[in-house]
C-alpha atoms as a PDB file:
ATOM      1  CA  MET A   1      10.044   5.226   5.304  1.00  0.00           C
ATOM      2  CA  LYS A   2      10.937   8.915   4.606  1.00  0.00           C
ATOM      3  CA  ARG A   3       8.968  11.165   2.331  1.00  0.00           C
ATOM      4  CA  THR A   4       9.590  14.353   0.442  1.00  0.00           C
ATOM      5  CA  ASP A   5       7.105  17.208   0.418  1.00  0.00           C
ATOM      6  CA  SER A   6       7.272  18.207  -3.272  1.00  0.00           C
ATOM      7  CA  ILE A   7       4.213  17.540  -5.467  1.00  0.00           C
ATOM      8  CA  VAL A   8       5.259  16.418  -8.937  1.00  0.00           C
ATOM      9  CA  ILE A   9       2.813  17.190 -11.734  1.00  0.00           C
ATOM     10  CA  LYS A  10       3.718  14.575 -14.338  1.00  0.00           C
ATOM     11  CA  THR A  11       4.126  15.341 -18.038  1.00  0.00           C
ATOM     12  CA  PRO A  12       2.387  12.994 -20.500  1.00  0.00           C
ATOM     13  CA  ALA A  13       5.718  11.171 -20.974  1.00  0.00           C
ATOM     14  CA  GLN A  14       6.160  10.808 -17.230  1.00  0.00           C
ATOM     15  CA  LEU A  15       2.620   9.511 -16.916  1.00  0.00           C
ATOM     16  CA  ASP A  16       3.426   6.862 -19.449  1.00  0.00           C
ATOM     17  CA  GLY A  17       6.433   5.829 -17.441  1.00  0.00           C
ATOM     18  CA  CYS A  18       4.339   5.652 -14.305  1.00  0.00           C
ATOM     19  CA  ARG A  19       1.787   3.452 -16.140  1.00  0.00           C
ATOM     20  CA  ARG A  20       4.499   1.027 -17.201  1.00  0.00           C
ATOM     21  CA  ALA A  21       5.982   0.875 -13.713  1.00  0.00           C
ATOM     22  CA  GLY A  22       2.569   0.488 -12.120  1.00  0.00           C
ATOM     23  CA  GLU A  23       1.717  -2.414 -14.356  1.00  0.00           C
ATOM     24  CA  LYS A  24       4.954  -4.116 -13.339  1.00  0.00           C
ATOM     25  CA  ALA A  25       4.227  -3.566  -9.689  1.00  0.00           C
ATOM     26  CA  ALA A  26       0.703  -4.926 -10.144  1.00  0.00           C
ATOM     27  CA  ASP A  27       2.015  -7.990 -11.960  1.00  0.00           C
ATOM     28  CA  VAL A  28       4.542  -8.764  -9.200  1.00  0.00           C
ATOM     29  CA  LEU A  29       1.841  -8.265  -6.514  1.00  0.00           C
ATOM     30  CA  ARG A  30      -0.649 -10.544  -8.323  1.00  0.00           C
ATOM     31  CA  ILE A  31       1.929 -13.334  -8.708  1.00  0.00           C
ATOM     32  CA  LEU A  32       3.057 -13.114  -5.055  1.00  0.00           C
ATOM     33  CA  CYS A  33      -0.480 -13.058  -3.692  1.00  0.00           C
ATOM     34  CA  GLY A  34      -1.117 -16.246  -5.682  1.00  0.00           C
ATOM     35  CA  ALA A  35       2.049 -17.846  -4.321  1.00  0.00           C
ATOM     36  CA  VAL A  36       1.388 -17.524  -0.535  1.00  0.00           C
ATOM     37  CA  ARG A  37       1.151 -20.949   1.110  1.00  0.00           C
ATOM     38  CA  PRO A  38       1.064 -22.246   4.658  1.00  0.00           C
ATOM     39  CA  GLY A  39       4.523 -23.331   5.801  1.00  0.00           C
ATOM     40  CA  MET A  40       6.290 -20.801   3.681  1.00  0.00           C
ATOM     41  CA  THR A  41       8.570 -18.288   5.371  1.00  0.00           C
ATOM     42  CA  THR A  42       8.246 -14.597   4.553  1.00  0.00           C
ATOM     43  CA  LYS A  43      11.917 -14.695   3.457  1.00  0.00           C
ATOM     44  CA  ALA A  44      11.149 -17.391   0.912  1.00  0.00           C
ATOM     45  CA  LEU A  45       8.285 -15.302  -0.408  1.00  0.00           C
ATOM     46  CA  ASP A  46      10.637 -12.338  -0.595  1.00  0.00           C
ATOM     47  CA  ASP A  47      13.214 -14.411  -2.472  1.00  0.00           C
ATOM     48  CA  PHE A  48      10.457 -15.375  -4.919  1.00  0.00           C
ATOM     49  CA  ALA A  49       9.584 -11.713  -5.349  1.00  0.00           C
ATOM     50  CA  ARG A  50      13.222 -10.923  -6.250  1.00  0.00           C
ATOM     51  CA  ASP A  51      13.224 -13.694  -8.915  1.00  0.00           C
ATOM     52  CA  THR A  52       9.846 -12.556 -10.229  1.00  0.00           C
ATOM     53  CA  MET A  53      10.979  -8.935 -10.580  1.00  0.00           C
ATOM     54  CA  GLU A  54      14.077 -10.084 -12.395  1.00  0.00           C
ATOM     55  CA  ALA A  55      11.959 -12.174 -14.802  1.00  0.00           C
ATOM     56  CA  LEU A  56       9.670  -9.218 -15.491  1.00  0.00           C
ATOM     57  CA  GLY A  57      12.618  -6.882 -16.050  1.00  0.00           C
ATOM     58  CA  CYS A  58      12.153  -4.612 -13.088  1.00  0.00           C
ATOM     59  CA  ARG A  59      13.818  -4.377  -9.681  1.00  0.00           C
ATOM     60  CA  SER A  60      12.841  -3.685  -6.104  1.00  0.00           C
ATOM     61  CA  ALA A  61      12.673  -0.016  -5.160  1.00  0.00           C
ATOM     62  CA  ASP A  62      12.513  -1.116  -1.457  1.00  0.00           C
ATOM     63  CA  PHE A  63      15.794  -2.892  -1.289  1.00  0.00           C
ATOM     64  CA  GLY A  64      18.422  -0.613   0.189  1.00  0.00           C
ATOM     65  CA  TYR A  65      15.983   2.343   0.657  1.00  0.00           C
ATOM     66  CA  TYR A  66      17.388   4.023   3.779  1.00  0.00           C
ATOM     67  CA  GLY A  67      18.990   0.701   4.592  1.00  0.00           C
ATOM     68  CA  TYR A  68      15.857  -1.447   4.188  1.00  0.00           C
ATOM     69  CA  PRO A  69      17.035  -5.071   3.887  1.00  0.00           C
ATOM     70  CA  GLY A  70      14.154  -6.733   1.987  1.00  0.00           C
ATOM     71  CA  GLN A  71      12.950  -6.819  -1.599  1.00  0.00           C
ATOM     72  CA  THR A  72       9.362  -6.358  -0.420  1.00  0.00           C
ATOM     73  CA  CYS A  73       7.465  -5.578   2.815  1.00  0.00           C
ATOM     74  CA  ILE A  74       5.587  -8.578   4.103  1.00  0.00           C
ATOM     75  CA  SER A  75       3.530  -7.979   7.195  1.00  0.00           C
ATOM     76  CA  VAL A  76       1.700 -10.807   8.976  1.00  0.00           C
ATOM     77  CA  ASN A  77      -1.345 -10.506  11.294  1.00  0.00           C
ATOM     78  CA  GLU A  78      -0.608  -7.804  13.824  1.00  0.00           C
ATOM     79  CA  ALA A  79       2.133  -6.315  11.589  1.00  0.00           C
ATOM     80  CA  VAL A  80       0.764  -3.223   9.857  1.00  0.00           C
ATOM     81  CA  ILE A  81       3.471  -2.237   7.401  1.00  0.00           C
ATOM     82  CA  HIS A  82       7.239  -2.496   6.708  1.00  0.00           C
ATOM     83  CA  GLY A  83       7.473  -6.148   7.827  1.00  0.00           C
ATOM     84  CA  ILE A  84      11.059  -7.307   7.088  1.00  0.00           C
ATOM     85  CA  PRO A  85      10.942 -10.730   5.423  1.00  0.00           C
ATOM     86  CA  LYS A  86      12.638 -13.259   7.712  1.00  0.00           C
ATOM     87  CA  ASP A  87      13.385 -16.986   7.834  1.00  0.00           C
ATOM     88  CA  SER A  88      11.904 -17.035  11.353  1.00  0.00           C
ATOM     89  CA  VAL A  89       8.434 -15.850  10.254  1.00  0.00           C
ATOM     90  CA  VAL A  90       6.416 -18.829   9.034  1.00  0.00           C
ATOM     91  CA  ILE A  91       3.073 -18.269   7.296  1.00  0.00           C
ATOM     92  CA  ARG A  92       0.291 -20.267   8.855  1.00  0.00           C
ATOM     93  CA  ASP A  93      -3.186 -21.268   7.647  1.00  0.00           C
ATOM     94  CA  GLY A  94      -5.581 -18.395   8.533  1.00  0.00           C
ATOM     95  CA  ASP A  95      -2.915 -15.688   8.645  1.00  0.00           C
ATOM     96  CA  LEU A  96      -3.447 -12.270   7.209  1.00  0.00           C
ATOM     97  CA  VAL A  97      -0.503 -11.475   5.016  1.00  0.00           C
ATOM     98  CA  SER A  98       0.033  -7.942   3.706  1.00  0.00           C
ATOM     99  CA  ILE A  99       2.400  -7.732   0.665  1.00  0.00           C
ATOM    100  CA  ASP A 100       3.635  -4.330  -0.332  1.00  0.00           C
ATOM    101  CA  ILE A 101       5.425  -4.268  -3.708  1.00  0.00           C
ATOM    102  CA  THR A 102       7.365  -1.204  -4.918  1.00  0.00           C
ATOM    103  CA  VAL A 103       9.348  -1.575  -8.130  1.00  0.00           C
ATOM    104  CA  SER A 104      11.640   0.513 -10.227  1.00  0.00           C
ATOM    105  CA  PHE A 105      11.172   0.236 -14.032  1.00  0.00           C
ATOM    106  CA  GLU A 106      12.698   2.444 -16.697  1.00  0.00           C
ATOM    107  CA  GLY A 107      13.342   5.197 -14.208  1.00  0.00           C
ATOM    108  CA  PHE A 108       9.878   5.311 -12.710  1.00  0.00           C
ATOM    109  CA  VAL A 109       8.338   3.749  -9.552  1.00  0.00           C
ATOM    110  CA  GLY A 110       5.247   1.587  -9.180  1.00  0.00           C
ATOM    111  CA  ASP A 111       3.719   0.923  -5.733  1.00  0.00           C
ATOM    112  CA  ASN A 112       0.881  -1.225  -4.538  1.00  0.00           C
ATOM    113  CA  ALA A 113      -0.196  -3.498  -1.667  1.00  0.00           C
ATOM    114  CA  ARG A 114      -2.827  -5.975  -0.720  1.00  0.00           C
ATOM    115  CA  THR A 115      -3.661  -8.163   2.299  1.00  0.00           C
ATOM    116  CA  VAL A 116      -4.568 -11.798   1.584  1.00  0.00           C
ATOM    117  CA  ILE A 117      -5.954 -14.472   3.904  1.00  0.00           C
ATOM    118  CA  VAL A 118      -4.093 -17.761   3.880  1.00  0.00           C
ATOM    119  CA  GLY A 119      -6.724 -20.377   3.365  1.00  0.00           C
ATOM    120  CA  GLU A 120     -10.387 -19.669   3.959  1.00  0.00           C
ATOM    121  CA  GLY A 121     -10.035 -17.616   7.173  1.00  0.00           C
ATOM    122  CA  THR A 122     -12.756 -16.801   9.641  1.00  0.00           C
ATOM    123  CA  PRO A 123     -15.840 -14.666   8.714  1.00  0.00           C
ATOM    124  CA  GLU A 124     -14.352 -11.834  10.847  1.00  0.00           C
ATOM    125  CA  LYS A 125     -11.096 -11.889   8.959  1.00  0.00           C
ATOM    126  CA  ARG A 126     -12.832 -12.057   5.519  1.00  0.00           C
ATOM    127  CA  ALA A 127     -15.060  -9.084   6.532  1.00  0.00           C
ATOM    128  CA  PHE A 128     -12.029  -7.126   7.748  1.00  0.00           C
ATOM    129  CA  VAL A 129     -10.226  -7.526   4.471  1.00  0.00           C
ATOM    130  CA  GLU A 130     -13.368  -6.570   2.477  1.00  0.00           C
ATOM    131  CA  TRP A 131     -13.911  -3.507   4.691  1.00  0.00           C
ATOM    132  CA  THR A 132     -10.345  -2.332   4.088  1.00  0.00           C
ATOM    133  CA  GLU A 133     -10.864  -2.771   0.327  1.00  0.00           C
ATOM    134  CA  GLU A 134     -14.174  -0.884   0.641  1.00  0.00           C
ATOM    135  CA  ALA A 135     -12.241   1.996   2.361  1.00  0.00           C
ATOM    136  CA  LEU A 136      -9.670   1.998  -0.500  1.00  0.00           C
ATOM    137  CA  ARG A 137     -12.491   2.089  -3.152  1.00  0.00           C
ATOM    138  CA  ALA A 138     -14.072   5.029  -1.340  1.00  0.00           C
ATOM    139  CA  GLY A 139     -10.768   6.938  -1.326  1.00  0.00           C
ATOM    140  CA  ILE A 140     -10.257   6.223  -5.053  1.00  0.00           C
ATOM    141  CA  ALA A 141     -13.804   7.475  -5.818  1.00  0.00           C
ATOM    142  CA  ALA A 142     -13.006  10.806  -4.156  1.00  0.00           C
ATOM    143  CA  ALA A 143      -9.713  11.198  -6.126  1.00  0.00           C
ATOM    144  CA  ARG A 144     -10.970  13.580  -8.770  1.00  0.00           C
ATOM    145  CA  ALA A 145      -9.553  16.803 -10.156  1.00  0.00           C
ATOM    146  CA  GLY A 146     -10.814  19.758  -8.141  1.00  0.00           C
ATOM    147  CA  ASN A 147     -11.286  17.794  -5.010  1.00  0.00           C
ATOM    148  CA  ARG A 148      -8.833  18.074  -2.215  1.00  0.00           C
ATOM    149  CA  VAL A 149      -6.706  15.544  -0.358  1.00  0.00           C
ATOM    150  CA  GLY A 150      -9.015  15.826   2.605  1.00  0.00           C
ATOM    151  CA  ASP A 151     -11.885  14.444   0.507  1.00  0.00           C
ATOM    152  CA  ILE A 152      -9.934  11.194   0.059  1.00  0.00           C
ATOM    153  CA  SER A 153      -8.987  11.133   3.710  1.00  0.00           C
ATOM    154  CA  HIS A 154     -12.573  11.716   4.835  1.00  0.00           C
ATOM    155  CA  ALA A 155     -13.876   9.044   2.460  1.00  0.00           C
ATOM    156  CA  VAL A 156     -11.519   6.429   3.860  1.00  0.00           C
ATOM    157  CA  GLU A 157     -12.263   7.459   7.470  1.00  0.00           C
ATOM    158  CA  THR A 158     -15.998   7.323   6.896  1.00  0.00           C
ATOM    159  CA  VAL A 159     -15.810   3.633   5.843  1.00  0.00           C
ATOM    160  CA  ALA A 160     -13.447   2.746   8.677  1.00  0.00           C
ATOM    161  CA  ASP A 161     -15.627   4.458  11.281  1.00  0.00           C
ATOM    162  CA  ARG A 162     -18.687   2.672   9.981  1.00  0.00           C
ATOM    163  CA  HIS A 163     -17.085  -0.705  10.593  1.00  0.00           C
ATOM    164  CA  LYS A 164     -15.501   0.447  13.896  1.00  0.00           C
ATOM    165  CA  LEU A 165     -11.960  -0.001  12.686  1.00  0.00           C
ATOM    166  CA  GLY A 166      -8.834   1.554  14.072  1.00  0.00           C
ATOM    167  CA  ILE A 167      -7.074   3.956  11.689  1.00  0.00           C
ATOM    168  CA  VAL A 168      -3.290   4.117  11.863  1.00  0.00           C
ATOM    169  CA  ARG A 169      -2.417   7.863  11.817  1.00  0.00           C
ATOM    170  CA  GLU A 170       1.363   7.828  11.869  1.00  0.00           C
ATOM    171  CA  TYR A 171       1.634   6.513   8.304  1.00  0.00           C
ATOM    172  CA  VAL A 172      -0.162   7.846   5.275  1.00  0.00           C
ATOM    173  CA  GLY A 173      -0.628   7.621   1.496  1.00  0.00           C
ATOM    174  CA  HIS A 174       1.619   9.739  -0.701  1.00  0.00           C
ATOM    175  CA  GLY A 175       2.503  10.967  -4.151  1.00  0.00           C
ATOM    176  CA  CYS A 176       4.586   8.607  -6.252  1.00  0.00           C
ATOM    177  CA  GLY A 177       5.982   7.883  -9.665  1.00  0.00           C
ATOM    178  CA  VAL A 178       9.201   9.797 -10.132  1.00  0.00           C
ATOM    179  CA  ASP A 179      10.360   9.052  -6.608  1.00  0.00           C
ATOM    180  CA  MET A 180       8.940   6.435  -4.229  1.00  0.00           C
ATOM    181  CA  HIS A 181       7.596   9.038  -1.838  1.00  0.00           C
ATOM    182  CA  GLU A 182       6.459  12.442  -3.105  1.00  0.00           C
ATOM    183  CA  GLY A 183       4.007  15.012  -1.916  1.00  0.00           C
ATOM    184  CA  PRO A 184       1.234  15.286  -0.979  1.00  0.00           C
ATOM    185  CA  GLU A 185       0.790  13.159   2.123  1.00  0.00           C
ATOM    186  CA  ILE A 186      -2.641  11.550   2.156  1.00  0.00           C
ATOM    187  CA  PRO A 187      -3.886  10.591   5.631  1.00  0.00           C
ATOM    188  CA  ASN A 188      -6.629   8.002   6.118  1.00  0.00           C
ATOM    189  CA  TYR A 189      -8.554  10.452   8.309  1.00  0.00           C
ATOM    190  CA  GLY A 190      -9.534  14.105   8.251  1.00  0.00           C
ATOM    191  CA  ALA A 191     -12.023  16.717   7.253  1.00  0.00           C
ATOM    192  CA  PRO A 192     -13.256  17.081   3.694  1.00  0.00           C
ATOM    193  CA  HIS A 193     -12.440  20.076   1.531  1.00  0.00           C
ATOM    194  CA  ARG A 194      -9.024  20.561   3.170  1.00  0.00           C
ATOM    195  CA  GLY A 195      -5.456  20.158   1.948  1.00  0.00           C
ATOM    196  CA  PRO A 196      -3.884  20.399  -1.530  1.00  0.00           C
ATOM    197  CA  VAL A 197      -6.152  20.518  -4.585  1.00  0.00           C
ATOM    198  CA  LEU A 198      -6.003  17.382  -6.725  1.00  0.00           C
ATOM    199  CA  ARG A 199      -4.830  18.347 -10.212  1.00  0.00           C
ATOM    200  CA  GLU A 200      -4.501  16.551 -13.504  1.00  0.00           C
ATOM    201  CA  GLY A 201      -1.082  14.906 -13.711  1.00  0.00           C
ATOM    202  CA  MET A 202      -0.754  14.139 -10.034  1.00  0.00           C
ATOM    203  CA  VAL A 203       0.132  10.499  -9.319  1.00  0.00           C
ATOM    204  CA  ILE A 204      -0.812   9.303  -5.804  1.00  0.00           C
ATOM    205  CA  CYS A 205      -1.026   6.163  -3.679  1.00  0.00           C
ATOM    206  CA  ILE A 206      -4.029   5.704  -1.440  1.00  0.00           C
ATOM    207  CA  GLU A 207      -3.403   3.108   1.206  1.00  0.00           C
ATOM    208  CA  PRO A 208      -5.742   2.440   4.137  1.00  0.00           C
ATOM    209  CA  MET A 209      -3.940   0.904   7.132  1.00  0.00           C
ATOM    210  CA  LEU A 210      -6.567  -0.296   9.493  1.00  0.00           C
ATOM    211  CA  THR A 211      -6.862  -2.418  12.621  1.00  0.00           C
ATOM    212  CA  LEU A 212      -9.428  -4.528  14.470  1.00  0.00           C
ATOM    213  CA  GLY A 213      -8.485  -2.956  17.706  1.00  0.00           C
ATOM    214  CA  SER A 214      -6.651   0.140  18.934  1.00  0.00           C
ATOM    215  CA  ARG A 215      -5.055   2.486  16.397  1.00  0.00           C
ATOM    216  CA  ARG A 216      -1.900   2.587  18.499  1.00  0.00           C
ATOM    217  CA  ILE A 217       1.289   1.121  16.978  1.00  0.00           C
ATOM    218  CA  LYS A 218       4.883   0.388  17.866  1.00  0.00           C
ATOM    219  CA  THR A 219       8.009  -0.507  15.936  1.00  0.00           C
ATOM    220  CA  LEU A 220       9.849  -3.714  16.585  1.00  0.00           C
ATOM    221  CA  LYS A 221      13.516  -3.904  17.500  1.00  0.00           C
ATOM    222  CA  ASP A 222      14.406  -4.563  13.835  1.00  0.00           C
ATOM    223  CA  GLY A 223      13.765  -0.918  13.326  1.00  0.00           C
ATOM    224  CA  TRP A 224      11.281  -1.358  10.552  1.00  0.00           C
ATOM    225  CA  THR A 225       8.341  -3.685  11.320  1.00  0.00           C
ATOM    226  CA  VAL A 226       5.340  -1.674  12.615  1.00  0.00           C
ATOM    227  CA  VAL A 227       2.812  -3.659  14.656  1.00  0.00           C
ATOM    228  CA  THR A 228      -0.412  -2.883  16.531  1.00  0.00           C
ATOM    229  CA  ALA A 229       0.338  -2.015  20.151  1.00  0.00           C
ATOM    230  CA  ASP A 230      -2.454  -4.255  21.430  1.00  0.00           C
ATOM    231  CA  GLY A 231      -1.693  -7.264  19.149  1.00  0.00           C
ATOM    232  CA  SER A 232      -4.904  -6.878  17.168  1.00  0.00           C
ATOM    233  CA  LEU A 233      -5.054  -7.806  13.465  1.00  0.00           C
ATOM    234  CA  ALA A 234      -4.031  -5.218  10.843  1.00  0.00           C
ATOM    235  CA  CYS A 235      -4.903  -4.882   7.183  1.00  0.00           C
ATOM    236  CA  HIS A 236      -3.256  -2.769   4.438  1.00  0.00           C
ATOM    237  CA  SER A 237      -4.287  -2.152   0.844  1.00  0.00           C
ATOM    238  CA  GLU A 238      -2.836   0.272  -1.667  1.00  0.00           C
ATOM    239  CA  GLN A 239      -3.291   1.372  -5.249  1.00  0.00           C
ATOM    240  CA  MET A 240      -1.455   3.918  -7.314  1.00  0.00           C
ATOM    241  CA  LEU A 241      -3.502   6.232  -9.496  1.00  0.00           C
ATOM    242  CA  ALA A 242      -3.346   9.259 -11.743  1.00  0.00           C
ATOM    243  CA  ILE A 243      -5.593  12.228 -11.486  1.00  0.00           C
ATOM    244  CA  THR A 244      -7.285  12.899 -14.853  1.00  0.00           C
ATOM    245  CA  ALA A 245      -8.660  16.097 -16.301  1.00  0.00           C
ATOM    246  CA  SER A 246     -12.174  15.013 -15.476  1.00  0.00           C
ATOM    247  CA  GLY A 247     -13.990  11.982 -14.216  1.00  0.00           C
ATOM    248  CA  PRO A 248     -12.547   9.038 -12.255  1.00  0.00           C
ATOM    249  CA  ALA A 249      -8.819   8.639 -11.548  1.00  0.00           C
ATOM    250  CA  GLU A 250      -6.828   6.200 -13.736  1.00  0.00           C
ATOM    251  CA  ILE A 251      -5.761   3.148 -11.755  1.00  0.00           C
ATOM    252  CA  LEU A 252      -2.073   2.560 -12.590  1.00  0.00           C
ATOM    253  CA  THR A 253      -1.778  -0.717 -10.672  1.00  0.00           C
ATOM    254  CA  PRO A 254      -4.682  -2.735 -12.121  1.00  0.00           C
ATOM    255  CA  ARG A 255      -5.819  -5.847 -10.243  1.00  0.00           C
END
């Protein structure tokens, strides 16, 4: 999905709008993660997302975005991101299902994602999901005013390297809130102390996209769904946060 380069420093009123949108996105994601069942198609889950958003008074920011046909992005197993919900994709016991929710609410955008295991899953799959969450937490811990984007990138990469995970490089985290994709881009790899300075009022999304094999990816013929080139499992987790004047960032998509 396309991005803009502009970094938007939010006013207090805009931050309040981002908080409300983030809470809606988090509510939708929580409900959908709890609804995943074996035998369900990703299209059925997407339809449920549409109904959930309507009930909560928000709408999908994904639907129609540069022609995207789904309400959400639902990526299964080797699919990394941008999985188009389809009747032909049936969720099975043991699958990894990444659900990426972006909502529009009162003129602001909330964005978050999480990968869940259907059923108990194998020890390897459970560890993989936890390692991805660990990488996300490390990135969030580095998101402090005065640090640079590269400090977030390096924190994520350090955790991924420790667990010998592939890091998808073609897609990155980003600014968010007024538009779905704002500056700065936030890669999941890189040197510390590089890139734009993190400033109070910035709203960003940190989103590790990791694999159990090669970092190489390809896009399916549907033009959207991105999968691992070697068929290895992928995991994606994302939270939206605001940089504060001092101390830890404020999580806008609470879990």
